[in-house]
């Protein structure tokens, strides 16, 4: 039946996704800092620095619809029970390759106060449009800078691809051209735009400058989310802000322990077994429900749906958007190091 065939979803092997993730891509007009920022073609390729005990694989299952609402991509993914990622391990510089100097080393000699930034001008209206969708200011600026400065649709696609990057909401490390004006972003991750602070103080009318600034820090500069945060904590706002300050101090005190952990990254052979997944029930990201499946030692799958827990006879492996794999050599052997912290 031709009609039934048309309704069958496309099936994509996870291996194809991994190969695409690790494939080499060309970067036109890449600026080489150790060569006085000369522009020349470069090649980029993703590789694993280490194989952790647990590995999360997140699929890009959403795209922007014509109505600017994120919608699901109707694709089934053929996810195997086991993965072998050894071919994707970083093996360092290969024969004939020369590592370039660290950027902060090679640029220190050429830095000057009069040096003009190479980043494109970022449209203020585009930043505001993206922030209204719930994204942080620095993430929006980073996305717009990556796509030329003013294309909101391209920036949204960039955000969906890079929202999980570690530096997504970090202040931009270099001078940024916003609306034709050159501004330098502070390195303090807790810095906020004072213009946004004053705008919220004036528009909301019932919060102080310090309260608004604290809310913006907590929400990564998003004005809408900061407003929601303030109203949600109105009953005990001073205590909520004090708790934020305590969290910042605690994070600073624990940095030495975190550095000690990062210096001893777990590693092993890149052979993994699927042990869990998270799936979404619904048509788009604005509605629906998330559920979790975990595989027990006896091989049976269990579904966790809020307070309901039951055996899952047919786990939706092809439809999940996040998969949890465990490295084979760690199954049944807890990491003793975690007991130290």
C-alpha atoms as a PDB file:
ATOM      1  CA  UNK A   1       0.000   0.000   0.000  1.00  0.00           C
ATOM      2  CA  UNK A   2       1.666   3.220  -1.193  1.00  0.00           C
ATOM      3  CA  UNK A   3      -0.158   5.350   1.387  1.00  0.00           C
ATOM      4  CA  UNK A   4       1.111   3.227   4.277  1.00  0.00           C
ATOM      5  CA  UNK A   5       4.651   3.312   2.899  1.00  0.00           C
ATOM      6  CA  UNK A   6       4.505   7.115   2.783  1.00  0.00           C
ATOM      7  CA  UNK A   7       3.696   7.155   6.500  1.00  0.00           C
ATOM      8  CA  UNK A   8       6.679   4.987   7.457  1.00  0.00           C
ATOM      9  CA  UNK A   9       9.312   7.126   9.241  1.00  0.00           C
ATOM     10  CA  UNK A  10      12.848   7.392   7.971  1.00  0.00           C
ATOM     11  CA  UNK A  11      15.283   5.097   9.825  1.00  0.00           C
ATOM     12  CA  UNK A  12      18.760   6.466  10.514  1.00  0.00           C
ATOM     13  CA  UNK A  13      21.509   4.299  12.066  1.00  0.00           C
ATOM     14  CA  UNK A  14      23.156   5.845  15.113  1.00  0.00           C
ATOM     15  CA  UNK A  15      26.482   4.847  13.590  1.00  0.00           C
ATOM     16  CA  UNK A  16      25.792   7.248  10.710  1.00  0.00           C
ATOM     17  CA  UNK A  17      25.160  10.038  13.217  1.00  0.00           C
ATOM     18  CA  UNK A  18      28.454   9.296  14.976  1.00  0.00           C
ATOM     19  CA  UNK A  19      30.328   9.253  11.675  1.00  0.00           C
ATOM     20  CA  UNK A  20      28.812  12.607  10.743  1.00  0.00           C
ATOM     21  CA  UNK A  21      29.758  14.007  14.170  1.00  0.00           C
ATOM     22  CA  UNK A  22      33.357  12.878  13.749  1.00  0.00           C
ATOM     23  CA  UNK A  23      33.708  13.792  10.058  1.00  0.00           C
ATOM     24  CA  UNK A  24      36.162  16.478   9.016  1.00  0.00           C
ATOM     25  CA  UNK A  25      34.684  19.829   7.997  1.00  0.00           C
ATOM     26  CA  UNK A  26      36.250  22.838   6.337  1.00  0.00           C
ATOM     27  CA  UNK A  27      36.337  26.326   7.859  1.00  0.00           C
ATOM     28  CA  UNK A  28      36.763  29.092   5.321  1.00  0.00           C
ATOM     29  CA  UNK A  29      38.628  32.266   6.289  1.00  0.00           C
ATOM     30  CA  UNK A  30      39.824  30.909   9.635  1.00  0.00           C
ATOM     31  CA  UNK A  31      42.052  33.452  11.386  1.00  0.00           C
ATOM     32  CA  UNK A  32      45.326  31.948  12.598  1.00  0.00           C
ATOM     33  CA  UNK A  33      46.358  33.871  15.703  1.00  0.00           C
ATOM     34  CA  UNK A  34      49.977  32.671  15.623  1.00  0.00           C
ATOM     35  CA  UNK A  35      50.306  34.106  12.088  1.00  0.00           C
ATOM     36  CA  UNK A  36      49.131  37.634  12.906  1.00  0.00           C
ATOM     37  CA  UNK A  37      45.481  36.661  12.352  1.00  0.00           C
ATOM     38  CA  UNK A  38      46.023  35.868   8.685  1.00  0.00           C
ATOM     39  CA  UNK A  39      42.892  34.357   7.112  1.00  0.00           C
ATOM     40  CA  UNK A  40      43.248  30.879   5.614  1.00  0.00           C
ATOM     41  CA  UNK A  41      41.238  27.677   5.231  1.00  0.00           C
ATOM     42  CA  UNK A  42      41.229  25.214   8.143  1.00  0.00           C
ATOM     43  CA  UNK A  43      39.861  21.748   8.884  1.00  0.00           C
ATOM     44  CA  UNK A  44      37.916  20.869  12.035  1.00  0.00           C
ATOM     45  CA  UNK A  45      37.203  17.403  13.408  1.00  0.00           C
ATOM     46  CA  UNK A  46      35.543  16.171  16.625  1.00  0.00           C
ATOM     47  CA  UNK A  47      37.326  13.537  18.703  1.00  0.00           C
ATOM     48  CA  UNK A  48      37.142  12.137  22.260  1.00  0.00           C
ATOM     49  CA  UNK A  49      39.898  13.242  24.648  1.00  0.00           C
ATOM     50  CA  UNK A  50      38.911  10.402  26.995  1.00  0.00           C
ATOM     51  CA  UNK A  51      36.200   7.773  27.284  1.00  0.00           C
ATOM     52  CA  UNK A  52      34.260   8.468  30.505  1.00  0.00           C
ATOM     53  CA  UNK A  53      32.567   5.873  32.685  1.00  0.00           C
ATOM     54  CA  UNK A  54      29.151   7.113  31.528  1.00  0.00           C
ATOM     55  CA  UNK A  55      28.427   8.675  28.149  1.00  0.00           C
ATOM     56  CA  UNK A  56      25.319  10.668  27.259  1.00  0.00           C
ATOM     57  CA  UNK A  57      24.440  10.849  23.572  1.00  0.00           C
ATOM     58  CA  UNK A  58      21.941  13.599  22.754  1.00  0.00           C
ATOM     59  CA  UNK A  59      20.266  13.584  19.348  1.00  0.00           C
ATOM     60  CA  UNK A  60      19.194  16.736  17.550  1.00  0.00           C
ATOM     61  CA  UNK A  61      15.538  15.717  17.232  1.00  0.00           C
ATOM     62  CA  UNK A  62      14.071  19.206  16.931  1.00  0.00           C
ATOM     63  CA  UNK A  63      14.016  21.853  14.219  1.00  0.00           C
ATOM     64  CA  UNK A  64      12.409  25.262  13.859  1.00  0.00           C
ATOM     65  CA  UNK A  65       9.027  25.100  12.120  1.00  0.00           C
ATOM     66  CA  UNK A  66       7.669  27.813   9.774  1.00  0.00           C
ATOM     67  CA  UNK A  67       5.754  29.225  12.769  1.00  0.00           C
ATOM     68  CA  UNK A  68       9.012  29.564  14.786  1.00  0.00           C
ATOM     69  CA  UNK A  69       7.949  26.755  17.116  1.00  0.00           C
ATOM     70  CA  UNK A  70      10.458  23.930  17.705  1.00  0.00           C
ATOM     71  CA  UNK A  71       9.023  20.700  16.336  1.00  0.00           C
ATOM     72  CA  UNK A  72      10.118  17.083  16.318  1.00  0.00           C
ATOM     73  CA  UNK A  73      11.942  15.537  13.394  1.00  0.00           C
ATOM     74  CA  UNK A  74       9.980  12.376  12.617  1.00  0.00           C
ATOM     75  CA  UNK A  75      12.895   9.935  12.348  1.00  0.00           C
ATOM     76  CA  UNK A  76      13.527   6.547  13.945  1.00  0.00           C
ATOM     77  CA  UNK A  77      17.113   6.000  15.061  1.00  0.00           C
ATOM     78  CA  UNK A  78      18.572   2.500  14.966  1.00  0.00           C
ATOM     79  CA  UNK A  79      20.449   2.450  18.281  1.00  0.00           C
ATOM     80  CA  UNK A  80      22.494  -0.702  18.972  1.00  0.00           C
ATOM     81  CA  UNK A  81      22.855  -2.227  22.415  1.00  0.00           C
ATOM     82  CA  UNK A  82      26.637  -1.773  22.233  1.00  0.00           C
ATOM     83  CA  UNK A  83      28.957   0.875  20.780  1.00  0.00           C
ATOM     84  CA  UNK A  84      32.628   0.788  19.840  1.00  0.00           C
ATOM     85  CA  UNK A  85      34.030   4.321  19.686  1.00  0.00           C
ATOM     86  CA  UNK A  86      37.741   3.522  19.552  1.00  0.00           C
ATOM     87  CA  UNK A  87      38.037   5.016  16.051  1.00  0.00           C
ATOM     88  CA  UNK A  88      36.860   8.365  17.430  1.00  0.00           C
ATOM     89  CA  UNK A  89      39.604   8.636  20.088  1.00  0.00           C
ATOM     90  CA  UNK A  90      41.933  11.605  19.795  1.00  0.00           C
ATOM     91  CA  UNK A  91      45.398  10.313  18.956  1.00  0.00           C
ATOM     92  CA  UNK A  92      47.208  13.650  19.106  1.00  0.00           C
ATOM     93  CA  UNK A  93      49.330  15.165  16.368  1.00  0.00           C
ATOM     94  CA  UNK A  94      49.747  12.816  13.415  1.00  0.00           C
ATOM     95  CA  UNK A  95      52.736  12.417  11.114  1.00  0.00           C
ATOM     96  CA  UNK A  96      53.299  15.619   9.174  1.00  0.00           C
ATOM     97  CA  UNK A  97      51.178  17.720  11.532  1.00  0.00           C
ATOM     98  CA  UNK A  98      52.553  20.565  13.674  1.00  0.00           C
ATOM     99  CA  UNK A  99      50.650  21.838  16.702  1.00  0.00           C
ATOM    100  CA  UNK A 100      50.107  25.592  16.692  1.00  0.00           C
ATOM    101  CA  UNK A 101      51.033  27.592  19.824  1.00  0.00           C
ATOM    102  CA  UNK A 102      48.406  28.230  22.473  1.00  0.00           C
ATOM    103  CA  UNK A 103      46.264  31.211  21.508  1.00  0.00           C
ATOM    104  CA  UNK A 104      46.919  33.202  24.674  1.00  0.00           C
ATOM    105  CA  UNK A 105      50.673  32.792  24.102  1.00  0.00           C
ATOM    106  CA  UNK A 106      50.817  33.772  20.468  1.00  0.00           C
ATOM    107  CA  UNK A 107      48.429  36.727  20.769  1.00  0.00           C
ATOM    108  CA  UNK A 108      49.971  38.358  23.831  1.00  0.00           C
ATOM    109  CA  UNK A 109      52.724  39.973  21.764  1.00  0.00           C
ATOM    110  CA  UNK A 110      50.310  41.378  19.179  1.00  0.00           C
ATOM    111  CA  UNK A 111      47.562  42.658  21.494  1.00  0.00           C
ATOM    112  CA  UNK A 112      47.083  46.428  21.601  1.00  0.00           C
ATOM    113  CA  UNK A 113      44.362  48.766  22.742  1.00  0.00           C
ATOM    114  CA  UNK A 114      43.877  50.075  19.208  1.00  0.00           C
ATOM    115  CA  UNK A 115      43.379  46.635  17.642  1.00  0.00           C
ATOM    116  CA  UNK A 116      39.968  46.420  15.900  1.00  0.00           C
ATOM    117  CA  UNK A 117      37.817  43.320  16.434  1.00  0.00           C
ATOM    118  CA  UNK A 118      37.091  41.037  13.494  1.00  0.00           C
ATOM    119  CA  UNK A 119      33.654  39.979  14.803  1.00  0.00           C
ATOM    120  CA  UNK A 120      30.592  41.107  12.806  1.00  0.00           C
ATOM    121  CA  UNK A 121      28.248  43.770  14.147  1.00  0.00           C
ATOM    122  CA  UNK A 122      25.503  42.235  16.285  1.00  0.00           C
ATOM    123  CA  UNK A 123      22.008  43.638  15.804  1.00  0.00           C
ATOM    124  CA  UNK A 124      20.486  44.734  19.125  1.00  0.00           C
ATOM    125  CA  UNK A 125      16.964  43.952  17.927  1.00  0.00           C
ATOM    126  CA  UNK A 126      17.989  40.414  17.009  1.00  0.00           C
ATOM    127  CA  UNK A 127      19.513  39.936  20.478  1.00  0.00           C
ATOM    128  CA  UNK A 128      16.274  41.124  22.086  1.00  0.00           C
ATOM    129  CA  UNK A 129      14.180  38.805  19.879  1.00  0.00           C
ATOM    130  CA  UNK A 130      16.230  35.764  20.868  1.00  0.00           C
ATOM    131  CA  UNK A 131      16.244  36.710  24.555  1.00  0.00           C
ATOM    132  CA  UNK A 132      12.445  36.978  24.453  1.00  0.00           C
ATOM    133  CA  UNK A 133      12.436  33.277  23.531  1.00  0.00           C
ATOM    134  CA  UNK A 134      14.096  32.479  26.858  1.00  0.00           C
ATOM    135  CA  UNK A 135      17.781  32.308  25.943  1.00  0.00           C
ATOM    136  CA  UNK A 136      20.566  34.065  27.851  1.00  0.00           C
ATOM    137  CA  UNK A 137      22.085  37.281  26.534  1.00  0.00           C
ATOM    138  CA  UNK A 138      25.578  35.895  25.969  1.00  0.00           C
ATOM    139  CA  UNK A 139      24.259  32.768  24.249  1.00  0.00           C
ATOM    140  CA  UNK A 140      22.192  34.950  21.905  1.00  0.00           C
ATOM    141  CA  UNK A 141      25.151  37.208  21.146  1.00  0.00           C
ATOM    142  CA  UNK A 142      27.402  34.221  20.541  1.00  0.00           C
ATOM    143  CA  UNK A 143      24.842  32.699  18.147  1.00  0.00           C
ATOM    144  CA  UNK A 144      24.368  35.943  16.201  1.00  0.00           C
ATOM    145  CA  UNK A 145      28.097  36.497  15.930  1.00  0.00           C
ATOM    146  CA  UNK A 146      28.469  32.992  14.483  1.00  0.00           C
ATOM    147  CA  UNK A 147      25.880  33.611  11.735  1.00  0.00           C
ATOM    148  CA  UNK A 148      26.811  37.147  10.695  1.00  0.00           C
ATOM    149  CA  UNK A 149      25.177  39.347  13.310  1.00  0.00           C
ATOM    150  CA  UNK A 150      21.512  39.791  12.407  1.00  0.00           C
ATOM    151  CA  UNK A 151      19.892  36.596  11.044  1.00  0.00           C
ATOM    152  CA  UNK A 152      17.523  35.464  13.812  1.00  0.00           C
ATOM    153  CA  UNK A 153      16.448  32.235  12.091  1.00  0.00           C
ATOM    154  CA  UNK A 154      20.034  31.099  11.475  1.00  0.00           C
ATOM    155  CA  UNK A 155      20.918  32.061  15.035  1.00  0.00           C
ATOM    156  CA  UNK A 156      18.059  29.908  16.356  1.00  0.00           C
ATOM    157  CA  UNK A 157      19.353  26.913  14.412  1.00  0.00           C
ATOM    158  CA  UNK A 158      22.841  27.614  15.791  1.00  0.00           C
ATOM    159  CA  UNK A 159      21.443  27.758  19.338  1.00  0.00           C
ATOM    160  CA  UNK A 160      19.736  24.369  18.983  1.00  0.00           C
ATOM    161  CA  UNK A 161      23.043  22.865  17.826  1.00  0.00           C
ATOM    162  CA  UNK A 162      25.251  24.526  20.448  1.00  0.00           C
ATOM    163  CA  UNK A 163      23.037  25.140  23.499  1.00  0.00           C
ATOM    164  CA  UNK A 164      24.834  22.334  25.357  1.00  0.00           C
ATOM    165  CA  UNK A 165      28.295  23.816  24.774  1.00  0.00           C
ATOM    166  CA  UNK A 166      30.117  24.503  28.041  1.00  0.00           C
ATOM    167  CA  UNK A 167      30.750  28.156  27.125  1.00  0.00           C
ATOM    168  CA  UNK A 168      27.308  28.821  25.606  1.00  0.00           C
ATOM    169  CA  UNK A 169      26.267  31.307  28.318  1.00  0.00           C
ATOM    170  CA  UNK A 170      29.765  32.573  29.143  1.00  0.00           C
ATOM    171  CA  UNK A 171      30.628  36.225  28.419  1.00  0.00           C
ATOM    172  CA  UNK A 172      32.268  36.678  25.026  1.00  0.00           C
ATOM    173  CA  UNK A 173      36.046  36.659  25.513  1.00  0.00           C
ATOM    174  CA  UNK A 174      36.786  39.445  23.047  1.00  0.00           C
ATOM    175  CA  UNK A 175      35.489  42.833  21.969  1.00  0.00           C
ATOM    176  CA  UNK A 176      32.053  42.630  20.371  1.00  0.00           C
ATOM    177  CA  UNK A 177      30.509  45.009  17.850  1.00  0.00           C
ATOM    178  CA  UNK A 178      26.903  45.619  18.957  1.00  0.00           C
ATOM    179  CA  UNK A 179      24.867  47.910  16.746  1.00  0.00           C
ATOM    180  CA  UNK A 180      28.024  49.554  15.444  1.00  0.00           C
ATOM    181  CA  UNK A 181      29.420  50.247  18.923  1.00  0.00           C
ATOM    182  CA  UNK A 182      32.452  48.357  20.163  1.00  0.00           C
ATOM    183  CA  UNK A 183      31.982  46.920  23.654  1.00  0.00           C
ATOM    184  CA  UNK A 184      34.326  44.732  25.637  1.00  0.00           C
ATOM    185  CA  UNK A 185      32.762  41.801  27.488  1.00  0.00           C
ATOM    186  CA  UNK A 186      33.913  41.266  31.039  1.00  0.00           C
ATOM    187  CA  UNK A 187      35.427  37.936  31.980  1.00  0.00           C
ATOM    188  CA  UNK A 188      33.236  37.723  35.084  1.00  0.00           C
ATOM    189  CA  UNK A 189      30.608  35.068  34.404  1.00  0.00           C
ATOM    190  CA  UNK A 190      28.299  36.851  36.869  1.00  0.00           C
ATOM    191  CA  UNK A 191      28.375  40.204  35.040  1.00  0.00           C
ATOM    192  CA  UNK A 192      25.083  41.498  33.667  1.00  0.00           C
ATOM    193  CA  UNK A 193      24.105  44.229  31.250  1.00  0.00           C
ATOM    194  CA  UNK A 194      23.396  47.331  33.331  1.00  0.00           C
ATOM    195  CA  UNK A 195      21.075  48.670  30.633  1.00  0.00           C
ATOM    196  CA  UNK A 196      18.894  45.577  31.068  1.00  0.00           C
ATOM    197  CA  UNK A 197      19.020  46.042  34.846  1.00  0.00           C
ATOM    198  CA  UNK A 198      17.744  49.620  34.681  1.00  0.00           C
ATOM    199  CA  UNK A 199      15.135  48.741  32.064  1.00  0.00           C
ATOM    200  CA  UNK A 200      13.697  45.978  34.279  1.00  0.00           C
ATOM    201  CA  UNK A 201      13.756  48.191  37.385  1.00  0.00           C
ATOM    202  CA  UNK A 202      11.756  50.829  35.521  1.00  0.00           C
ATOM    203  CA  UNK A 203       9.316  48.446  33.819  1.00  0.00           C
ATOM    204  CA  UNK A 204       8.627  46.206  36.830  1.00  0.00           C
ATOM    205  CA  UNK A 205       8.467  49.085  39.283  1.00  0.00           C
ATOM    206  CA  UNK A 206       8.547  47.044  42.485  1.00  0.00           C
ATOM    207  CA  UNK A 207      12.107  45.717  42.713  1.00  0.00           C
ATOM    208  CA  UNK A 208      15.406  47.340  43.593  1.00  0.00           C
ATOM    209  CA  UNK A 209      18.464  47.502  41.362  1.00  0.00           C
ATOM    210  CA  UNK A 210      20.283  44.903  43.495  1.00  0.00           C
ATOM    211  CA  UNK A 211      17.324  42.515  43.357  1.00  0.00           C
ATOM    212  CA  UNK A 212      17.034  42.779  39.577  1.00  0.00           C
ATOM    213  CA  UNK A 213      20.787  42.374  39.134  1.00  0.00           C
ATOM    214  CA  UNK A 214      20.769  39.198  41.249  1.00  0.00           C
ATOM    215  CA  UNK A 215      17.871  37.775  39.222  1.00  0.00           C
ATOM    216  CA  UNK A 216      19.662  38.487  35.939  1.00  0.00           C
ATOM    217  CA  UNK A 217      22.805  36.766  37.215  1.00  0.00           C
ATOM    218  CA  UNK A 218      20.764  33.704  38.144  1.00  0.00           C
ATOM    219  CA  UNK A 219      19.075  33.568  34.704  1.00  0.00           C
ATOM    220  CA  UNK A 220      22.179  34.238  32.586  1.00  0.00           C
ATOM    221  CA  UNK A 221      20.996  37.686  31.538  1.00  0.00           C
ATOM    222  CA  UNK A 222      17.538  36.698  30.268  1.00  0.00           C
ATOM    223  CA  UNK A 223      15.136  39.572  31.076  1.00  0.00           C
ATOM    224  CA  UNK A 224      11.950  37.485  30.825  1.00  0.00           C
ATOM    225  CA  UNK A 225      13.297  34.687  33.009  1.00  0.00           C
ATOM    226  CA  UNK A 226      14.638  37.227  35.517  1.00  0.00           C
ATOM    227  CA  UNK A 227      11.171  38.771  35.818  1.00  0.00           C
ATOM    228  CA  UNK A 228       9.623  35.345  36.381  1.00  0.00           C
ATOM    229  CA  UNK A 229      12.275  34.522  38.984  1.00  0.00           C
ATOM    230  CA  UNK A 230      11.584  37.736  40.910  1.00  0.00           C
ATOM    231  CA  UNK A 231       7.817  37.230  41.016  1.00  0.00           C
ATOM    232  CA  UNK A 232       8.192  33.553  41.938  1.00  0.00           C
ATOM    233  CA  UNK A 233      10.321  34.530  44.966  1.00  0.00           C
ATOM    234  CA  UNK A 234       8.420  37.651  46.083  1.00  0.00           C
ATOM    235  CA  UNK A 235       7.278  36.056  49.340  1.00  0.00           C
ATOM    236  CA  UNK A 236      10.863  35.668  50.558  1.00  0.00           C
ATOM    237  CA  UNK A 237      12.982  37.554  48.059  1.00  0.00           C
ATOM    238  CA  UNK A 238      15.798  38.662  50.383  1.00  0.00           C
ATOM    239  CA  UNK A 239      16.411  35.098  51.579  1.00  0.00           C
ATOM    240  CA  UNK A 240      16.376  33.795  47.990  1.00  0.00           C
ATOM    241  CA  UNK A 241      19.007  36.340  46.950  1.00  0.00           C
ATOM    242  CA  UNK A 242      21.090  35.523  50.021  1.00  0.00           C
ATOM    243  CA  UNK A 243      20.944  31.842  49.043  1.00  0.00           C
ATOM    244  CA  UNK A 244      22.292  32.734  45.601  1.00  0.00           C
ATOM    245  CA  UNK A 245      25.255  34.496  47.207  1.00  0.00           C
ATOM    246  CA  UNK A 246      25.925  31.462  49.382  1.00  0.00           C
ATOM    247  CA  UNK A 247      25.868  29.220  46.314  1.00  0.00           C
ATOM    248  CA  UNK A 248      28.427  31.431  44.567  1.00  0.00           C
ATOM    249  CA  UNK A 249      30.729  31.259  47.600  1.00  0.00           C
ATOM    250  CA  UNK A 250      30.297  27.482  47.848  1.00  0.00           C
ATOM    251  CA  UNK A 251      31.109  27.081  44.163  1.00  0.00           C
ATOM    252  CA  UNK A 252      34.306  29.113  44.610  1.00  0.00           C
ATOM    253  CA  UNK A 253      35.371  27.082  47.654  1.00  0.00           C
ATOM    254  CA  UNK A 254      34.859  23.802  45.789  1.00  0.00           C
ATOM    255  CA  UNK A 255      36.860  24.853  42.716  1.00  0.00           C
ATOM    256  CA  UNK A 256      40.060  23.233  44.011  1.00  0.00           C
ATOM    257  CA  UNK A 257      38.284  19.882  44.448  1.00  0.00           C
ATOM    258  CA  UNK A 258      36.773  20.192  40.977  1.00  0.00           C
ATOM    259  CA  UNK A 259      40.192  20.887  39.504  1.00  0.00           C
ATOM    260  CA  UNK A 260      41.571  17.839  41.308  1.00  0.00           C
ATOM    261  CA  UNK A 261      38.809  15.683  39.818  1.00  0.00           C
ATOM    262  CA  UNK A 262      39.332  17.067  36.307  1.00  0.00           C
ATOM    263  CA  UNK A 263      43.040  16.298  36.488  1.00  0.00           C
ATOM    264  CA  UNK A 264      42.242  12.607  36.897  1.00  0.00           C
ATOM    265  CA  UNK A 265      39.667  12.059  34.171  1.00  0.00           C
ATOM    266  CA  UNK A 266      38.419   8.513  33.963  1.00  0.00           C
ATOM    267  CA  UNK A 267      39.408   6.738  30.769  1.00  0.00           C
ATOM    268  CA  UNK A 268      39.337   3.290  29.226  1.00  0.00           C
ATOM    269  CA  UNK A 269      38.450   1.474  26.030  1.00  0.00           C
ATOM    270  CA  UNK A 270      35.692   3.098  24.026  1.00  0.00           C
ATOM    271  CA  UNK A 271      33.314   0.155  24.206  1.00  0.00           C
ATOM    272  CA  UNK A 272      29.908   0.945  25.674  1.00  0.00           C
ATOM    273  CA  UNK A 273      26.563  -0.701  26.485  1.00  0.00           C
ATOM    274  CA  UNK A 274      23.199   1.062  26.409  1.00  0.00           C
ATOM    275  CA  UNK A 275      21.776   1.301  29.954  1.00  0.00           C
ATOM    276  CA  UNK A 276      19.242   4.144  29.847  1.00  0.00           C
ATOM    277  CA  UNK A 277      17.410   6.760  27.795  1.00  0.00           C
ATOM    278  CA  UNK A 278      15.098   9.760  28.067  1.00  0.00           C
ATOM    279  CA  UNK A 279      12.214  10.229  25.640  1.00  0.00           C
ATOM    280  CA  UNK A 280       9.598  12.900  25.070  1.00  0.00           C
ATOM    281  CA  UNK A 281       5.898  12.315  24.562  1.00  0.00           C
ATOM    282  CA  UNK A 282       4.391  15.182  22.578  1.00  0.00           C
ATOM    283  CA  UNK A 283       4.533  17.094  19.300  1.00  0.00           C
ATOM    284  CA  UNK A 284       6.935  19.895  20.278  1.00  0.00           C
ATOM    285  CA  UNK A 285       9.098  21.219  23.117  1.00  0.00           C
ATOM    286  CA  UNK A 286       6.309  23.449  24.419  1.00  0.00           C
ATOM    287  CA  UNK A 287       4.073  20.570  25.458  1.00  0.00           C
ATOM    288  CA  UNK A 288       4.149  16.892  26.322  1.00  0.00           C
ATOM    289  CA  UNK A 289       5.931  14.847  28.943  1.00  0.00           C
ATOM    290  CA  UNK A 290       9.370  13.365  29.559  1.00  0.00           C
ATOM    291  CA  UNK A 291       9.919   9.801  30.747  1.00  0.00           C
ATOM    292  CA  UNK A 292      13.020   7.782  31.580  1.00  0.00           C
ATOM    293  CA  UNK A 293      13.879   4.139  30.873  1.00  0.00           C
ATOM    294  CA  UNK A 294      16.669   2.233  32.645  1.00  0.00           C
ATOM    295  CA  UNK A 295      17.912  -1.275  31.987  1.00  0.00           C
ATOM    296  CA  UNK A 296      18.308  -3.584  34.981  1.00  0.00           C
ATOM    297  CA  UNK A 297      21.073  -6.114  35.442  1.00  0.00           C
ATOM    298  CA  UNK A 298      18.783  -8.888  34.217  1.00  0.00           C
ATOM    299  CA  UNK A 299      18.294  -7.044  30.905  1.00  0.00           C
ATOM    300  CA  UNK A 300      14.725  -5.909  31.593  1.00  0.00           C
ATOM    301  CA  UNK A 301      13.799  -2.299  30.892  1.00  0.00           C
ATOM    302  CA  UNK A 302      11.989  -0.226  33.536  1.00  0.00           C
ATOM    303  CA  UNK A 303      10.031   2.964  32.811  1.00  0.00           C
ATOM    304  CA  UNK A 304      10.074   5.878  35.278  1.00  0.00           C
ATOM    305  CA  UNK A 305       7.060   8.122  34.671  1.00  0.00           C
ATOM    306  CA  UNK A 306       6.912  10.597  37.562  1.00  0.00           C
ATOM    307  CA  UNK A 307       5.888   8.478  40.575  1.00  0.00           C
ATOM    308  CA  UNK A 308       4.908   5.499  38.411  1.00  0.00           C
ATOM    309  CA  UNK A 309       7.554   2.788  37.922  1.00  0.00           C
ATOM    310  CA  UNK A 310       6.880  -0.349  35.887  1.00  0.00           C
ATOM    311  CA  UNK A 311       8.510  -2.933  33.645  1.00  0.00           C
ATOM    312  CA  UNK A 312       8.590  -1.776  30.011  1.00  0.00           C
ATOM    313  CA  UNK A 313       7.887  -4.549  27.543  1.00  0.00           C
ATOM    314  CA  UNK A 314       8.612  -2.395  24.468  1.00  0.00           C
ATOM    315  CA  UNK A 315      11.034   0.427  25.355  1.00  0.00           C
ATOM    316  CA  UNK A 316      10.959   3.218  22.720  1.00  0.00           C
ATOM    317  CA  UNK A 317      14.647   2.951  21.866  1.00  0.00           C
ATOM    318  CA  UNK A 318      14.276   4.348  18.291  1.00  0.00           C
ATOM    319  CA  UNK A 319      12.420   7.429  19.576  1.00  0.00           C
ATOM    320  CA  UNK A 320      14.487   8.663  22.539  1.00  0.00           C
ATOM    321  CA  UNK A 321      16.379  11.926  22.297  1.00  0.00           C
ATOM    322  CA  UNK A 322      19.029  11.213  24.945  1.00  0.00           C
ATOM    323  CA  UNK A 323      20.792   7.878  25.509  1.00  0.00           C
ATOM    324  CA  UNK A 324      22.951   6.784  28.437  1.00  0.00           C
ATOM    325  CA  UNK A 325      25.801   4.361  27.762  1.00  0.00           C
ATOM    326  CA  UNK A 326      28.148   2.765  30.318  1.00  0.00           C
ATOM    327  CA  UNK A 327      31.708   1.785  29.513  1.00  0.00           C
ATOM    328  CA  UNK A 328      31.901  -2.003  29.447  1.00  0.00           C
ATOM    329  CA  UNK A 329      34.915  -2.332  31.736  1.00  0.00           C
ATOM    330  CA  UNK A 330      33.088  -0.411  34.513  1.00  0.00           C
ATOM    331  CA  UNK A 331      29.858  -2.433  34.591  1.00  0.00           C
ATOM    332  CA  UNK A 332      29.525  -3.974  38.038  1.00  0.00           C
ATOM    333  CA  UNK A 333      32.512  -2.062  39.446  1.00  0.00           C
ATOM    334  CA  UNK A 334      31.695   1.278  41.181  1.00  0.00           C
ATOM    335  CA  UNK A 335      34.281   4.044  41.006  1.00  0.00           C
ATOM    336  CA  UNK A 336      36.056   4.093  44.371  1.00  0.00           C
ATOM    337  CA  UNK A 337      37.304   7.648  43.832  1.00  0.00           C
ATOM    338  CA  UNK A 338      33.825   9.103  44.320  1.00  0.00           C
ATOM    339  CA  UNK A 339      33.979   8.123  47.967  1.00  0.00           C
ATOM    340  CA  UNK A 340      36.694  10.724  48.560  1.00  0.00           C
ATOM    341  CA  UNK A 341      34.497  13.709  47.844  1.00  0.00           C
END
